[in-house]
C-alpha cells in the first residue's frame, strides 16, 4: 500500500468520526459537505474539512471541544504528510524522523515531573528515547512506536500523559504505518 493511500485511509477514519458526531448537522455548510462528500479523496476536500471543524469549534459545544481539537490536529498532521509526500517524497523519511522525536519530546516536556518520578512502562520508554538521542533505525522506531501503542492500551491510569498519548494514538499509528513503507 502506498503512503498516499495509507494517509487517505487515516483521513477518512477521522472524517467518519466527524460525521458520527452528528451534532453539527444544523450548520448548512457542514450538512452540505457531508451530503456531497462520502469520502475525502484530495487535498481540497481535506482543507475544506479542516475549515468546517474549525468553524464547528466556534459553536462552543464543550462536550465536543476535545474531540474537535483532536480531529483538527490529526487532519493537519495528515495534510503536512501529504504536502511533504507530494513536494518531495525523498524528504518523507526526514519528516517521519522529526515527528517521531517530536512525539516523544513534547510528551516529555509536557509531563516532565511525572515521567521523571514514575517507573511505569510508558515513562521508562519516553525517558529511554529522550536520553538516547541517537538516531534510531526504521526497525527500532517501529518497535518503539509499537511498544508505545501497547503500553497505552495496557495502562489503565488516568493522568495527563496517558490522556495526551491517547489523543495522539491515530498519529502514532500513522507514523508506524508509514515507517513500514519507507
Protein backbone atom coordinates (compact mmCIF):
# COMPACT_ATOMS: atom_id res chain seq x y z
CA UNK A 1 0.00 0.00 0.00
CA UNK A 2 1.34 3.46 -0.86
CA UNK A 3 1.92 6.25 1.62
CA UNK A 4 -0.77 8.32 -0.06
CA UNK A 5 -3.34 5.54 0.33
CA UNK A 6 -2.43 4.99 3.99
CA UNK A 7 -2.79 8.70 4.74
CA UNK A 8 -6.14 8.98 2.98
CA UNK A 9 -7.37 5.91 4.88
CA UNK A 10 -6.46 7.66 8.12
CA UNK A 11 -8.07 10.90 6.93
CA UNK A 12 -11.28 9.05 6.15
CA UNK A 13 -11.29 7.43 9.59
CA UNK A 14 -11.14 10.91 11.09
CA UNK A 15 -13.82 12.08 8.65
CA UNK A 16 -16.10 9.23 9.69
CA UNK A 17 -15.57 10.25 13.32
CA UNK A 18 -16.64 13.79 12.47
CA UNK A 19 -19.68 12.52 10.58
CA UNK A 20 -20.69 10.37 13.54
CA UNK A 21 -20.78 13.38 15.86
CA UNK A 22 -23.96 14.47 14.07
CA UNK A 23 -24.10 17.48 16.40
CA UNK A 24 -23.32 19.97 13.68
CA UNK A 25 -25.87 18.89 11.08
CA UNK A 26 -27.81 22.08 11.82
CA UNK A 27 -24.98 24.03 10.17
CA UNK A 28 -25.82 24.27 6.47
CA UNK A 29 -22.14 24.24 5.43
CA UNK A 30 -21.47 21.05 7.41
CA UNK A 31 -24.67 19.45 6.16
CA UNK A 32 -23.86 20.23 2.51
CA UNK A 33 -20.29 19.00 2.86
CA UNK A 34 -21.40 15.73 4.46
CA UNK A 35 -24.04 15.17 1.78
CA UNK A 36 -21.67 15.86 -1.12
CA UNK A 37 -18.55 14.07 0.16
CA UNK A 38 -18.80 10.40 1.03
CA UNK A 39 -15.02 10.17 1.32
CA UNK A 40 -12.09 12.58 1.38
CA UNK A 41 -10.06 11.92 -1.76
CA UNK A 42 -8.00 15.06 -2.31
CA UNK A 43 -6.29 17.98 -0.59
CA UNK A 44 -9.08 20.45 -1.42
CA UNK A 45 -11.63 18.30 0.39
CA UNK A 46 -9.22 17.88 3.30
CA UNK A 47 -8.71 21.63 3.58
CA UNK A 48 -12.46 22.20 3.49
CA UNK A 49 -12.97 19.59 6.22
CA UNK A 50 -10.37 21.31 8.42
CA UNK A 51 -12.18 24.64 7.89
CA UNK A 52 -15.50 23.02 8.85
CA UNK A 53 -14.03 21.57 12.02
CA UNK A 54 -12.59 24.99 12.93
CA UNK A 55 -15.95 26.64 12.31
CA UNK A 56 -17.72 23.93 14.34
CA UNK A 57 -15.46 24.73 17.29
CA UNK A 58 -16.88 28.24 17.31
CA UNK A 59 -20.25 26.91 18.50
CA UNK A 60 -18.58 26.33 21.89
CA UNK A 61 -20.16 22.94 22.46
CA UNK A 62 -17.95 21.98 25.38
CA UNK A 63 -18.82 18.30 25.08
CA UNK A 64 -17.24 18.14 21.61
CA UNK A 65 -14.34 20.53 22.16
CA UNK A 66 -11.74 17.85 22.91
CA UNK A 67 -12.87 15.64 20.02
CA UNK A 68 -12.85 18.52 17.55
CA UNK A 69 -9.37 19.60 18.68
CA UNK A 70 -8.12 16.03 18.29
CA UNK A 71 -9.66 15.68 14.82
CA UNK A 72 -8.25 19.02 13.74
CA UNK A 73 -4.75 18.09 14.96
CA UNK A 74 -4.91 14.73 13.19
CA UNK A 75 -6.09 16.23 9.92
CA UNK A 76 -3.45 18.97 9.98
CA UNK A 77 -0.79 16.31 10.59
CA UNK A 78 -2.09 14.26 7.65
CA UNK A 79 -2.10 17.38 5.47
CA UNK A 80 1.56 18.00 6.38
CA UNK A 81 2.48 14.41 5.50
CA UNK A 82 0.75 14.73 2.13
CA UNK A 83 2.44 18.07 1.46
CA UNK A 84 5.86 16.53 2.07
CA UNK A 85 4.95 13.47 0.02
CA UNK A 86 3.72 15.49 -2.96
CA UNK A 87 6.51 18.09 -2.82
CA UNK A 88 9.45 15.71 -2.46
CA UNK A 89 8.92 12.05 -1.46
CA UNK A 90 12.62 11.75 -0.58
CA UNK A 91 12.03 14.13 2.34
CA UNK A 92 9.47 11.74 3.81
CA UNK A 93 11.95 9.86 5.99
CA UNK A 94 13.25 13.15 7.42
CA UNK A 95 9.68 14.29 8.14
CA UNK A 96 8.89 11.00 9.89
CA UNK A 97 12.15 11.27 11.84
CA UNK A 98 11.22 14.77 13.04
CA UNK A 99 7.72 13.75 14.05
CA UNK A 100 8.93 10.59 15.74
CA UNK A 101 11.15 12.63 18.06
CA UNK A 102 8.61 15.44 18.36
CA UNK A 103 6.08 12.96 19.74
CA UNK A 104 8.45 11.86 22.49
CA UNK A 105 9.93 15.31 23.20
CA UNK A 106 6.54 17.02 23.53
CA UNK A 107 5.24 14.21 25.75
CA UNK A 108 8.35 14.54 27.90
CA UNK A 109 8.24 18.33 28.14
CA UNK A 110 4.54 18.49 28.97
CA UNK A 111 4.76 15.72 31.57
CA UNK A 112 8.35 16.05 32.77
CA UNK A 113 7.68 15.83 36.52
CA UNK A 114 5.53 12.74 36.14
CA UNK A 115 7.93 10.99 33.75
CA UNK A 116 10.98 11.68 35.91
CA UNK A 117 9.37 10.28 39.05
CA UNK A 118 7.37 7.46 37.52
CA UNK A 119 8.53 3.94 36.80
CA UNK A 120 5.65 2.83 34.58
CA UNK A 121 6.43 1.39 31.15
CA UNK A 122 5.35 4.46 29.20
CA UNK A 123 7.53 6.80 31.26
CA UNK A 124 10.52 4.48 31.01
CA UNK A 125 10.10 4.24 27.24
CA UNK A 126 9.88 8.02 26.83
CA UNK A 127 12.93 8.52 29.08
CA UNK A 128 14.84 5.95 27.02
CA UNK A 129 14.11 7.75 23.74
CA UNK A 130 14.89 11.18 25.20
CA UNK A 131 18.11 10.08 26.90
CA UNK A 132 19.37 8.11 23.88
CA UNK A 133 19.42 10.94 21.41
CA UNK A 134 20.86 8.56 18.86
CA UNK A 135 19.22 8.15 15.52
CA UNK A 136 17.10 5.05 15.65
CA UNK A 137 16.84 2.97 12.51
CA UNK A 138 13.47 2.24 10.97
CA UNK A 139 13.05 -1.13 12.71
CA UNK A 140 13.88 0.38 16.11
CA UNK A 141 11.44 3.24 15.56
CA UNK A 142 8.73 0.79 14.55
CA UNK A 143 9.42 -1.29 17.64
CA UNK A 144 9.38 1.76 19.93
CA UNK A 145 6.10 3.02 18.46
CA UNK A 146 4.55 -0.45 18.67
CA UNK A 147 5.64 -0.71 22.31
CA UNK A 148 4.23 2.74 23.00
CA UNK A 149 0.87 1.78 21.50
CA UNK A 150 0.81 -1.44 23.52
CA UNK A 151 1.66 0.40 26.73
CA UNK A 152 -1.05 2.98 26.04
CA UNK A 153 -3.62 0.18 25.68
CA UNK A 154 -2.37 -1.68 28.76
CA UNK A 155 -2.11 1.33 31.05
CA UNK A 156 -5.32 1.95 32.99
CA UNK A 157 -4.06 5.03 34.84
CA UNK A 158 -5.81 8.27 34.11
CA UNK A 159 -3.21 11.01 34.05
CA UNK A 160 -2.25 13.81 31.69
CA UNK A 161 0.45 11.78 29.96
CA UNK A 162 -1.95 8.92 29.25
CA UNK A 163 -4.62 11.33 28.01
CA UNK A 164 -2.13 13.12 25.74
CA UNK A 165 -0.91 9.85 24.26
CA UNK A 166 -4.43 8.53 23.73
CA UNK A 167 -5.31 11.71 21.85
CA UNK A 168 -2.24 11.16 19.64
CA UNK A 169 -2.93 7.48 19.10
CA UNK A 170 -4.01 7.85 15.45
CA UNK A 171 -0.93 9.91 14.69
CA UNK A 172 1.24 7.21 16.29
CA UNK A 173 -0.50 4.55 14.20
CA UNK A 174 0.03 6.61 11.04
CA UNK A 175 3.73 7.11 11.81
CA UNK A 176 4.05 3.37 12.36
CA UNK A 177 2.29 2.52 9.07
CA UNK A 178 4.39 4.99 7.09
CA UNK A 179 7.58 3.64 8.67
CA UNK A 180 6.68 0.17 7.39
CA UNK A 181 6.62 1.51 3.83
CA UNK A 182 9.75 3.67 3.86
